[in-house]
Amino acid sequence: MKDATLQQTAARILVRLVHTLAVLGAGLGAGACSLVVEQSASQCESDADCVGFGAAVCSAEKVCVSALGAPCATNQECVGRLGPDYVCVASESLCKSLRSDQCQTIVGAPASDDALIVGSIGPTGGLDEGIGLPIENAIRVAVSDFKEASAAEKPRPMVVVGCNDDSTPETGVAAATHLVSIGAPAVIGAAFSGITLRVKDVTVPAGTLLISPSATAVGIGALVDNSLVWRTAPPDTYQTQAIALYIDQHLKPQVVGAPPLKLAVLHRGDAYGRDLSKALEEELILNGERPTDASNANNYLRFDYGDPDDVENNPPKFEEAIADTLALEPHIIVFAGFSEAVTDIFVPLEKDWDATVARPFHVMTDGVVGSALWDNIGENDALRLRVTGTTPGRARSNPVFQAFASNYRDSFMDGGEEVFGAAEAYDAAYLIAYAAAVAGDQTLTGQGLAQALGRMVPPGAPINAGVDQMAEALEQRLLAA
């Protein structure tokens, strides 16, 4: 400690010396024969004295220090010192930037000390940006709604910090770690179930509310999470019911050469793929029995092809999946995964298929349905007629969805209103805003927002997301501060 104190004192004197030399340099040039240097460790009396040191302020010890390391009490202090993208993190009383390597989108201004900082995590760049960007844009639409329709005398502003997880759990975790560090009490995301389950390992211990607009893994509903993990998307149990009915009522009658009907389920080795495939087994009837019945031993294959995002624990087994599927010669193949299911299994499987065997029907779950699938089918109509998929749907005639879609198109002409997760992200933003309304002037915490969300589930009068019912929602006793 003694050495550190001496070093700090020397550094202060040196900085003061440099400042004095800059002031007296003209005198030295005029031939002065001596120079008296002030030995005081004091550098400043106010922040104005530290202007020459860049983003620095005058500390209690009368020393110019970096504004990032200086204590703060309000967001406005940090904005004034460092710029519009900084906040005062109350738990540390330090200024921190809203931006990080992963988080570069800032919507709103954080200068107000009651600003609600909401994070957003999704694939806004890379192969899956067609999913992530509409989700982020839908949150922007919701924030615009709040600004337009808020009738409060002094509304609490919402500031969104948008982060790109690049479709990888590691990047998602880095984004979540940053959002927690800046004190965001709520995060909308992630888009994918596997990343959501990794991100919650950061947000739940920190007491941060996490709401995914599109994570559908069955297991999310059974998490031990202090009620801090929510979603506005339906679980995959609904999807498996639809797939089972579709196979039984639509595909089975088209199969040539059955019975017995042969079926393969090729799934990604993460929570999304494993949970979905197991739930599907509980719904399917194959040749009059469950797929796992002994009578279907030669008719059914469920293959875990690994997890490309967890190579150490479950390395990809694409070649084995293809070989076992070709050996079975199934009439129907269900793919439960993401783009790798298309590029690494579906495409080579079609290429290597025995020309003397009738080609299979392919059923793609919602995670597989995307640009990689469209790109690899192209104009091959014969293949296109054998490929179908599922995705959580909505009634386009529903006036609530129509209002959202129209509102979205007013700002973004990218067709994103139809992307699964966009409308659900819009709903998530509304839920967080209404939860904040319950808190009133209190300091917002993830746990407090979660408790408020518990008051917004049935039973009760339904209130739709959107500007038209915002005033009514805020008047409801349910949302009273």
Protein backbone atom coordinates (compact mmCIF):
# COMPACT_ATOMS: atom_id res chain seq x y z
CA MET A 1 0.00 0.00 0.00
CA LYS A 2 2.90 2.40 0.79
CA ASP A 3 4.42 1.89 -2.67
CA ALA A 4 1.08 2.49 -4.33
CA THR A 5 0.59 5.73 -2.39
CA LEU A 6 4.03 7.00 -3.38
CA GLN A 7 3.36 6.15 -7.01
CA GLN A 8 0.03 7.99 -6.97
CA THR A 9 1.63 11.09 -5.42
CA ALA A 10 4.46 11.04 -7.96
CA ALA A 11 1.98 10.70 -10.79
CA ARG A 12 0.02 13.70 -9.54
CA ILE A 13 3.15 15.86 -9.28
CA LEU A 14 4.25 14.75 -12.75
CA VAL A 15 0.92 15.69 -14.30
CA ARG A 16 1.06 19.05 -12.55
CA LEU A 17 4.61 19.51 -13.80
CA VAL A 18 3.57 18.87 -17.39
CA HIS A 19 0.76 21.38 -17.05
CA THR A 20 3.14 24.02 -15.62
CA LEU A 21 5.70 23.43 -18.36
CA ALA A 22 3.02 23.98 -20.98
CA VAL A 23 2.12 27.33 -19.43
CA LEU A 24 5.72 28.55 -18.96
CA GLY A 25 7.21 27.17 -22.15
CA ALA A 26 7.33 30.60 -23.80
CA GLY A 27 9.40 31.96 -20.90
CA LEU A 28 11.94 29.18 -21.26
CA GLY A 29 12.28 29.93 -24.92
CA ALA A 30 13.10 33.52 -24.02
CA GLY A 31 16.21 32.45 -22.19
CA ALA A 32 15.00 32.08 -18.61
CA CYS A 33 17.75 30.55 -16.47
CA SER A 34 15.61 28.92 -13.79
CA LEU A 35 12.18 27.32 -13.31
CA VAL A 36 10.19 26.90 -10.12
CA VAL A 37 7.75 23.95 -10.24
CA GLU A 38 4.79 23.79 -7.87
CA GLN A 39 5.18 20.65 -5.76
CA SER A 40 1.54 20.48 -4.59
CA ALA A 41 -0.32 17.23 -5.35
CA SER A 42 -3.51 19.22 -5.96
CA GLN A 43 -4.37 19.48 -9.64
CA CYS A 44 -7.83 21.04 -9.72
CA GLU A 45 -10.59 22.82 -7.91
CA SER A 46 -13.40 21.95 -10.35
CA ASP A 47 -14.08 19.82 -13.42
CA ALA A 48 -13.30 22.87 -15.58
CA ASP A 49 -9.65 22.64 -14.48
CA CYS A 50 -9.44 19.14 -16.03
CA VAL A 51 -10.53 20.05 -19.53
CA GLY A 52 -7.00 19.70 -20.81
CA PHE A 53 -6.92 16.04 -19.78
CA GLY A 54 -9.78 14.89 -22.04
CA ALA A 55 -12.73 13.06 -20.45
CA ALA A 56 -11.62 13.81 -16.89
CA VAL A 57 -13.21 15.27 -13.76
CA CYS A 58 -11.89 16.74 -10.52
CA SER A 59 -12.02 14.14 -7.75
CA ALA A 60 -12.57 14.74 -4.03
CA GLU A 61 -8.80 14.57 -3.66
CA LYS A 62 -8.42 17.51 -6.11
CA VAL A 63 -6.93 15.22 -8.77
CA CYS A 64 -8.01 14.94 -12.41
CA VAL A 65 -9.23 11.39 -12.98
CA SER A 66 -10.94 9.60 -15.84
CA ALA A 67 -14.67 10.31 -15.92
CA LEU A 68 -15.27 6.56 -16.28
CA GLY A 69 -13.62 5.96 -12.93
CA ALA A 70 -15.17 8.92 -11.16
CA PRO A 71 -18.13 8.48 -8.81
CA CYS A 72 -21.54 9.53 -10.14
CA ALA A 73 -25.00 10.02 -8.72
CA THR A 74 -27.10 10.68 -11.82
CA ASN A 75 -27.26 9.68 -15.46
CA GLN A 76 -27.06 13.34 -16.40
CA GLU A 77 -23.62 13.59 -14.83
CA CYS A 78 -22.37 10.76 -17.05
CA VAL A 79 -24.04 12.17 -20.15
CA GLY A 80 -22.50 15.56 -19.47
CA ARG A 81 -19.03 14.12 -18.93
CA LEU A 82 -18.88 11.38 -21.57
CA GLY A 83 -21.75 11.71 -24.03
CA PRO A 84 -25.33 10.55 -24.64
CA ASP A 85 -24.63 6.81 -24.47
CA TYR A 86 -23.51 6.69 -20.84
CA VAL A 87 -25.42 5.95 -17.63
CA CYS A 88 -24.65 6.02 -13.94
CA VAL A 89 -24.86 2.45 -12.69
CA ALA A 90 -26.42 2.84 -9.25
CA SER A 91 -24.96 -0.34 -7.75
CA GLU A 92 -21.43 0.93 -8.39
CA SER A 93 -21.97 4.70 -8.62
CA LEU A 94 -19.85 4.66 -11.79
CA CYS A 95 -20.42 5.85 -15.35
CA LYS A 96 -20.62 3.06 -17.91
CA SER A 97 -21.20 2.98 -21.64
CA LEU A 98 -24.39 1.42 -22.94
CA ARG A 99 -22.36 0.11 -25.88
CA SER A 100 -20.12 -2.96 -26.09
CA ASP A 101 -18.69 -5.06 -28.90
CA GLN A 102 -21.96 -6.98 -29.12
CA CYS A 103 -24.34 -4.12 -28.24
CA GLN A 104 -24.28 -1.26 -30.73
CA THR A 105 -27.93 -0.27 -31.16
CA ILE A 106 -29.21 2.44 -28.82
CA VAL A 107 -32.84 3.56 -29.00
CA GLY A 108 -33.75 6.49 -26.76
CA ALA A 109 -31.78 8.82 -24.49
CA PRO A 110 -30.75 7.73 -20.97
CA ALA A 111 -30.23 11.17 -19.42
CA SER A 112 -33.31 10.82 -17.19
CA ASP A 113 -32.53 9.01 -13.94
CA ASP A 114 -35.80 7.08 -14.05
CA ALA A 115 -35.06 5.77 -17.58
CA LEU A 116 -35.95 2.11 -18.03
CA ILE A 117 -32.97 0.38 -19.64
CA VAL A 118 -34.12 -2.69 -21.60
CA GLY A 119 -31.69 -4.99 -23.36
CA SER A 120 -32.37 -6.89 -26.54
CA ILE A 121 -30.42 -9.98 -27.63
CA GLY A 122 -30.84 -11.63 -31.03
CA PRO A 123 -29.11 -12.49 -34.31
CA THR A 124 -29.16 -9.00 -35.83
CA GLY A 125 -26.11 -9.85 -37.94
CA GLY A 126 -24.93 -12.95 -39.76
CA LEU A 127 -26.88 -15.82 -41.29
CA ASP A 128 -29.96 -15.36 -39.11
CA GLU A 129 -30.31 -11.59 -39.27
CA GLY A 130 -33.57 -12.14 -41.15
CA ILE A 131 -34.94 -13.28 -37.79
CA GLY A 132 -33.08 -10.95 -35.45
CA LEU A 133 -33.56 -7.63 -37.23
CA PRO A 134 -37.39 -7.81 -37.38
CA ILE A 135 -37.43 -8.67 -33.67
CA GLU A 136 -35.28 -5.64 -32.84
CA ASN A 137 -37.32 -3.45 -35.19
CA ALA A 138 -40.57 -4.54 -33.54
CA ILE A 139 -39.19 -3.42 -30.18
CA ARG A 140 -38.40 -0.06 -31.78
CA VAL A 141 -42.02 0.18 -32.93
CA ALA A 142 -43.23 -0.44 -29.38
CA VAL A 143 -40.93 2.25 -27.97
CA SER A 144 -42.28 4.66 -30.57
CA ASP A 145 -45.80 3.79 -29.41
CA PHE A 146 -44.94 4.65 -25.81
CA LYS A 147 -43.59 8.05 -26.80
CA GLU A 148 -46.62 8.81 -28.94
CA ALA A 149 -49.41 7.66 -26.66
CA SER A 150 -48.15 8.19 -23.12
CA ALA A 151 -50.58 10.43 -21.30
CA ALA A 152 -48.51 10.51 -18.11
CA GLU A 153 -47.45 13.90 -16.83
CA LYS A 154 -43.85 12.76 -16.55
CA PRO A 155 -43.49 9.48 -18.43
CA ARG A 156 -40.64 7.13 -17.63
CA PRO A 157 -38.55 6.87 -20.82
CA MET A 158 -37.56 3.47 -22.20
CA VAL A 159 -34.06 3.06 -23.59
CA VAL A 160 -33.32 -0.07 -25.61
CA VAL A 161 -29.79 -1.45 -25.93
CA GLY A 162 -29.78 -3.83 -28.90
CA CYS A 163 -27.19 -6.63 -28.99
CA ASN A 164 -26.21 -9.08 -31.73
CA ASP A 165 -25.63 -12.64 -30.49
CA ASP A 166 -24.49 -13.75 -33.97
CA SER A 167 -26.48 -16.97 -33.41
CA THR A 168 -23.90 -18.30 -30.92
CA PRO A 169 -24.36 -18.92 -27.17
CA GLU A 170 -20.94 -17.48 -26.31
CA THR A 171 -21.73 -14.16 -27.96
CA GLY A 172 -25.17 -14.15 -26.38
CA VAL A 173 -23.62 -14.67 -22.95
CA ALA A 174 -21.16 -11.81 -23.57
CA ALA A 175 -24.05 -9.53 -24.53
CA ALA A 176 -26.05 -10.55 -21.46
CA THR A 177 -23.05 -9.95 -19.21
CA HIS A 178 -22.74 -6.42 -20.57
CA LEU A 179 -26.45 -5.70 -20.14
CA VAL A 180 -26.32 -6.88 -16.54
CA SER A 181 -23.23 -4.72 -15.92
CA ILE A 182 -25.06 -1.55 -17.00
CA GLY A 183 -27.97 -2.31 -14.70
CA ALA A 184 -30.64 -3.28 -17.26
CA PRO A 185 -33.48 -4.82 -15.19
CA ALA A 186 -35.01 -6.55 -18.23
CA VAL A 187 -33.82 -8.21 -21.44
CA ILE A 188 -35.89 -9.24 -24.46
CA GLY A 189 -34.31 -12.35 -26.00
CA ALA A 190 -32.75 -14.48 -27.06
CA ALA A 191 -34.35 -15.58 -30.30
CA PHE A 192 -33.25 -19.22 -30.09
CA SER A 193 -33.97 -21.63 -27.25
CA GLY A 194 -30.41 -22.87 -26.81
CA ILE A 195 -29.03 -19.34 -26.51
CA THR A 196 -31.87 -18.31 -24.21
CA LEU A 197 -31.02 -21.18 -21.86
CA ARG A 198 -27.37 -20.09 -21.79
CA VAL A 199 -28.22 -16.40 -21.36
CA LYS A 200 -30.48 -17.15 -18.38
CA ASP A 201 -27.41 -18.48 -16.54
CA VAL A 202 -26.23 -14.85 -16.54
CA THR A 203 -29.53 -13.02 -16.06
CA VAL A 204 -31.17 -15.15 -13.36
CA PRO A 205 -28.31 -14.91 -10.82
CA ALA A 206 -28.19 -11.16 -11.46
CA GLY A 207 -31.93 -10.83 -10.79
CA THR A 208 -32.62 -9.64 -14.35
CA LEU A 209 -35.92 -10.37 -16.09
CA LEU A 210 -35.56 -12.31 -19.37
CA ILE A 211 -38.41 -12.52 -21.91
CA SER A 212 -37.83 -14.46 -25.12
CA PRO A 213 -40.07 -13.65 -28.09
CA SER A 214 -39.34 -16.88 -29.96
CA ALA A 215 -37.68 -19.53 -27.76
CA THR A 216 -40.07 -22.47 -27.93
CA ALA A 217 -38.16 -25.30 -26.19
CA VAL A 218 -40.45 -27.33 -23.97
CA GLY A 219 -37.99 -27.31 -21.06
CA ILE A 220 -38.07 -23.52 -20.64
CA GLY A 221 -41.46 -23.84 -18.97
CA ALA A 222 -40.02 -26.03 -16.22
CA LEU A 223 -36.99 -23.91 -15.27
CA VAL A 224 -36.22 -23.08 -11.65
CA ASP A 225 -35.67 -19.39 -12.28
CA ASN A 226 -37.29 -17.31 -9.51
CA SER A 227 -39.97 -16.39 -12.11
CA LEU A 228 -37.35 -14.40 -14.02
CA VAL A 229 -37.57 -16.26 -17.37
CA TRP A 230 -40.67 -15.64 -19.48
CA ARG A 231 -41.63 -15.93 -23.13
CA THR A 232 -44.32 -14.63 -25.45
CA ALA A 233 -43.93 -17.60 -27.82
CA PRO A 234 -45.87 -20.88 -27.61
CA PRO A 235 -43.94 -23.97 -26.41
CA ASP A 236 -43.06 -26.72 -28.88
CA THR A 237 -45.75 -29.00 -27.52
CA TYR A 238 -48.13 -27.14 -29.85
CA GLN A 239 -45.78 -27.62 -32.78
CA THR A 240 -45.42 -31.35 -32.17
CA GLN A 241 -49.20 -31.76 -32.09
CA ALA A 242 -49.43 -30.06 -35.47
CA ILE A 243 -46.63 -32.19 -36.96
CA ALA A 244 -48.17 -35.42 -35.69
CA LEU A 245 -51.56 -34.56 -37.17
CA TYR A 246 -49.98 -33.42 -40.45
CA ILE A 247 -48.03 -36.68 -40.84
CA ASP A 248 -51.03 -38.84 -39.99
CA GLN A 249 -53.70 -37.01 -41.99
CA HIS A 250 -51.78 -35.53 -44.93
CA LEU A 251 -48.46 -37.26 -45.60
CA LYS A 252 -49.26 -40.86 -44.71
CA PRO A 253 -51.94 -41.18 -47.43
CA GLN A 254 -49.38 -39.98 -50.02
CA VAL A 255 -46.69 -42.50 -49.14
CA VAL A 256 -46.16 -45.15 -51.81
CA GLY A 257 -45.29 -48.69 -50.71
CA ALA A 258 -46.41 -48.48 -47.07
CA PRO A 259 -47.22 -50.11 -44.68
CA PRO A 260 -45.15 -50.38 -42.71
CA LEU A 261 -44.51 -46.66 -42.62
CA LYS A 262 -40.90 -45.70 -41.92
CA LEU A 263 -40.06 -42.44 -40.16
CA ALA A 264 -36.82 -40.71 -39.15
CA VAL A 265 -36.47 -37.78 -36.74
CA LEU A 266 -33.08 -36.05 -37.01
CA HIS A 267 -32.59 -33.50 -34.27
CA ARG A 268 -30.01 -31.06 -33.02
CA GLY A 269 -28.41 -32.08 -29.73
CA ASP A 270 -29.52 -29.07 -27.70
CA ALA A 271 -32.55 -28.31 -25.55
CA TYR A 272 -34.61 -27.25 -28.57
CA GLY A 273 -33.95 -30.38 -30.64
CA ARG A 274 -33.99 -32.91 -27.80
CA ASP A 275 -37.15 -31.62 -26.13
CA LEU A 276 -39.02 -31.24 -29.41
CA SER A 277 -38.16 -34.74 -30.65
CA LYS A 278 -39.16 -36.34 -27.34
CA ALA A 279 -42.44 -34.43 -27.31
CA LEU A 280 -43.07 -35.54 -30.90
CA GLU A 281 -42.58 -39.19 -29.91
CA GLU A 282 -45.36 -38.74 -27.37
CA GLU A 283 -47.73 -37.43 -30.05
CA LEU A 284 -46.95 -39.68 -33.03
CA ILE A 285 -48.69 -42.94 -33.88
CA LEU A 286 -46.61 -45.06 -36.25
CA ASN A 287 -48.17 -48.20 -37.71
CA GLY A 288 -50.76 -48.23 -34.95
CA GLU A 289 -48.24 -47.90 -32.10
CA ARG A 290 -45.91 -45.37 -30.56
CA PRO A 291 -42.69 -44.94 -32.56
CA THR A 292 -40.67 -46.36 -29.67
CA ASP A 293 -42.74 -49.56 -29.49
CA ALA A 294 -40.76 -52.74 -30.17
CA SER A 295 -42.90 -53.42 -33.24
CA ASN A 296 -41.38 -50.28 -34.87
CA ALA A 297 -37.76 -51.24 -34.21
CA ASN A 298 -37.06 -51.42 -37.95
CA ASN A 299 -39.38 -48.56 -38.87
CA TYR A 300 -38.26 -45.68 -36.68
CA LEU A 301 -35.04 -43.70 -36.18
CA ARG A 302 -34.46 -40.82 -33.79
CA PHE A 303 -30.92 -39.50 -34.26
CA ASP A 304 -29.15 -36.81 -32.22
CA TYR A 305 -26.76 -35.27 -34.77
CA GLY A 306 -24.87 -33.20 -32.17
CA ASP A 307 -24.67 -29.55 -31.27
CA PRO A 308 -22.44 -27.32 -33.45
CA ASP A 309 -22.42 -24.78 -30.61
CA ASP A 310 -21.20 -27.28 -28.01
CA VAL A 311 -18.58 -29.27 -29.88
CA GLU A 312 -16.74 -30.28 -26.72
CA ASN A 313 -19.70 -32.06 -25.13
CA ASN A 314 -21.75 -33.08 -28.17
CA PRO A 315 -19.75 -32.85 -31.42
CA PRO A 316 -21.66 -32.90 -34.73
CA LYS A 317 -22.33 -36.34 -36.19
CA PHE A 318 -23.65 -35.33 -39.58
CA GLU A 319 -22.14 -38.19 -41.58
CA GLU A 320 -23.47 -40.79 -39.14
CA ALA A 321 -26.93 -39.22 -39.29
CA ILE A 322 -26.91 -39.40 -43.08
CA ALA A 323 -25.64 -42.99 -43.14
CA ASP A 324 -28.23 -44.27 -40.64
CA THR A 325 -31.03 -42.46 -42.48
CA LEU A 326 -30.00 -43.87 -45.85
CA ALA A 327 -29.92 -47.35 -44.29
CA LEU A 328 -33.47 -47.00 -42.96
CA GLU A 329 -34.85 -45.57 -46.24
CA PRO A 330 -37.65 -43.69 -44.43
CA HIS A 331 -40.77 -42.44 -46.16
CA ILE A 332 -40.86 -39.31 -43.99
CA ILE A 333 -38.01 -37.37 -42.34
CA VAL A 334 -38.53 -34.75 -39.64
CA PHE A 335 -35.70 -32.23 -39.11
CA ALA A 336 -35.54 -30.43 -35.74
CA GLY A 337 -32.67 -27.96 -35.63
CA PHE A 338 -31.44 -24.83 -37.38
CA SER A 339 -29.64 -24.02 -40.63
CA GLU A 340 -27.10 -26.84 -40.12
CA ALA A 341 -29.93 -29.34 -40.58
CA VAL A 342 -30.27 -28.04 -44.13
CA THR A 343 -26.67 -27.51 -45.19
CA ASP A 344 -25.07 -30.48 -43.44
CA ILE A 345 -27.77 -33.16 -43.61
CA PHE A 346 -30.73 -32.36 -45.87
CA VAL A 347 -28.65 -31.33 -48.91
CA PRO A 348 -26.14 -34.24 -48.83
CA LEU A 349 -28.95 -36.67 -47.98
CA GLU A 350 -30.85 -35.72 -51.11
CA LYS A 351 -27.64 -35.98 -53.14
CA ASP A 352 -26.77 -39.47 -51.85
CA TRP A 353 -30.30 -40.90 -51.95
CA ASP A 354 -30.59 -44.23 -53.80
CA ALA A 355 -32.17 -43.48 -57.17
CA THR A 356 -34.07 -46.78 -57.06
CA VAL A 357 -35.85 -45.86 -53.80
CA ALA A 358 -38.79 -43.44 -53.63
CA ARG A 359 -37.60 -40.14 -52.26
CA PRO A 360 -38.92 -39.09 -48.83
CA PHE A 361 -41.15 -36.28 -47.67
CA HIS A 362 -39.29 -33.76 -45.47
CA VAL A 363 -40.93 -31.95 -42.55
CA MET A 364 -38.96 -28.99 -41.14
CA THR A 365 -39.58 -27.55 -37.69
CA ASP A 366 -39.69 -23.79 -37.22
CA GLY A 367 -35.96 -23.51 -36.50
CA VAL A 368 -35.10 -25.06 -39.87
CA VAL A 369 -37.50 -22.93 -41.89
CA GLY A 370 -35.43 -20.01 -43.15
CA SER A 371 -33.18 -18.60 -45.84
CA ALA A 372 -30.83 -21.61 -45.92
CA LEU A 373 -33.78 -23.83 -46.82
CA TRP A 374 -35.08 -21.49 -49.53
CA ASP A 375 -31.62 -21.06 -51.03
CA ASN A 376 -31.02 -24.80 -51.29
CA ILE A 377 -34.39 -25.64 -52.78
CA GLY A 378 -34.22 -22.82 -55.30
CA GLU A 379 -36.29 -23.54 -58.40
CA ASN A 380 -36.29 -27.31 -57.91
CA ASP A 381 -40.06 -27.82 -57.97
CA ALA A 382 -39.85 -31.59 -57.59
CA LEU A 383 -37.97 -31.14 -54.33
CA ARG A 384 -40.09 -28.20 -53.18
CA LEU A 385 -43.25 -30.33 -53.36
CA ARG A 386 -41.71 -32.81 -50.94
CA VAL A 387 -40.64 -30.21 -48.36
CA THR A 388 -43.01 -28.69 -45.82
CA GLY A 389 -42.52 -27.05 -42.48
CA THR A 390 -44.16 -25.63 -39.40
CA THR A 391 -43.93 -22.27 -37.72
CA PRO A 392 -46.03 -20.62 -35.02
CA GLY A 393 -48.79 -18.90 -36.93
CA ARG A 394 -51.21 -16.08 -36.44
CA ALA A 395 -54.57 -15.17 -37.89
CA ARG A 396 -53.72 -12.40 -40.33
CA SER A 397 -57.34 -11.30 -40.18
CA ASN A 398 -56.95 -10.58 -36.46
CA PRO A 399 -57.36 -6.80 -36.04
CA VAL A 400 -54.69 -6.68 -33.30
CA PHE A 401 -52.11 -8.26 -35.59
CA GLN A 402 -53.24 -6.05 -38.47
CA ALA A 403 -52.69 -2.96 -36.33
CA PHE A 404 -49.19 -4.14 -35.38
CA ALA A 405 -48.33 -5.03 -38.98
CA SER A 406 -49.50 -1.65 -40.25
CA ASN A 407 -47.57 0.13 -37.52
CA TYR A 408 -44.43 -1.89 -38.33
CA ARG A 409 -44.69 -1.15 -42.06
CA ASP A 410 -44.92 2.57 -41.33
CA SER A 411 -41.31 2.41 -40.14
CA PHE A 412 -39.79 -0.67 -41.77
CA MET A 413 -40.54 -1.93 -45.27
CA ASP A 414 -38.73 -5.25 -44.96
CA GLY A 415 -41.62 -7.68 -44.51
CA GLY A 416 -40.42 -8.30 -40.97
CA GLU A 417 -43.90 -8.04 -39.49
CA GLU A 418 -44.51 -11.60 -40.74
CA VAL A 419 -41.39 -13.06 -39.11
CA PHE A 420 -42.06 -15.24 -36.10
CA GLY A 421 -40.80 -13.40 -33.05
CA ALA A 422 -41.47 -9.87 -34.31
CA ALA A 423 -45.03 -9.47 -33.04
CA GLU A 424 -44.02 -11.44 -29.96
CA ALA A 425 -41.14 -9.01 -29.27
CA TYR A 426 -43.62 -6.14 -29.62
CA ASP A 427 -45.78 -7.85 -26.98
CA ALA A 428 -42.76 -8.38 -24.73
CA ALA A 429 -41.88 -4.68 -24.84
CA TYR A 430 -45.46 -3.79 -23.88
CA LEU A 431 -45.40 -6.25 -20.98
CA ILE A 432 -42.20 -4.72 -19.63
CA ALA A 433 -43.58 -1.19 -20.01
CA TYR A 434 -46.78 -2.10 -18.19
CA ALA A 435 -44.79 -3.86 -15.47
CA ALA A 436 -42.80 -0.64 -15.03
CA ALA A 437 -46.08 1.24 -14.71
CA VAL A 438 -46.97 -0.98 -11.77
CA ALA A 439 -43.68 -0.04 -10.10
CA GLY A 440 -44.43 3.66 -10.45
CA ASP A 441 -41.60 5.79 -9.11
CA GLN A 442 -39.82 2.88 -7.47
CA THR A 443 -36.37 1.75 -8.52
CA LEU A 444 -36.93 -0.91 -11.15
CA THR A 445 -35.54 -4.39 -10.60
CA GLY A 446 -35.93 -7.59 -12.56
CA GLN A 447 -37.67 -9.24 -9.62
CA GLY A 448 -40.07 -6.32 -9.26
CA LEU A 449 -40.93 -6.46 -12.96
CA ALA A 450 -41.43 -10.22 -12.74
CA GLN A 451 -43.85 -9.81 -9.83
CA ALA A 452 -45.79 -7.26 -11.86
CA LEU A 453 -45.95 -9.64 -14.82
CA GLY A 454 -47.57 -12.17 -12.53
CA ARG A 455 -50.51 -9.79 -12.30
CA MET A 456 -50.95 -9.74 -16.07
CA VAL A 457 -51.88 -13.37 -16.64
CA PRO A 458 -55.42 -14.82 -16.58
CA PRO A 459 -57.88 -14.51 -15.01
CA GLY A 460 -58.65 -10.88 -15.70
CA ALA A 461 -59.85 -8.54 -18.41
CA PRO A 462 -57.78 -9.05 -21.58
CA ILE A 463 -55.91 -6.00 -22.86
CA ASN A 464 -54.31 -6.05 -26.29
CA ALA A 465 -50.87 -4.64 -27.00
CA GLY A 466 -51.05 -1.46 -29.04
CA VAL A 467 -51.69 2.24 -28.79
CA ASP A 468 -55.47 1.93 -28.84
CA GLN A 469 -55.72 0.21 -25.45
CA MET A 470 -52.74 1.79 -23.74
CA ALA A 471 -54.76 4.36 -21.81
CA GLU A 472 -57.23 1.70 -20.71
CA ALA A 473 -54.40 -0.54 -19.56
CA LEU A 474 -52.85 2.19 -17.45
CA GLU A 475 -56.23 2.96 -15.89
CA GLN A 476 -56.87 -0.64 -14.88
CA ARG A 477 -56.44 -1.38 -11.23
CA LEU A 478 -54.19 -4.24 -12.29
CA LEU A 479 -51.65 -1.72 -13.48
CA ALA A 480 -52.12 0.87 -10.77
CA ALA A 481 -48.88 2.06 -9.17
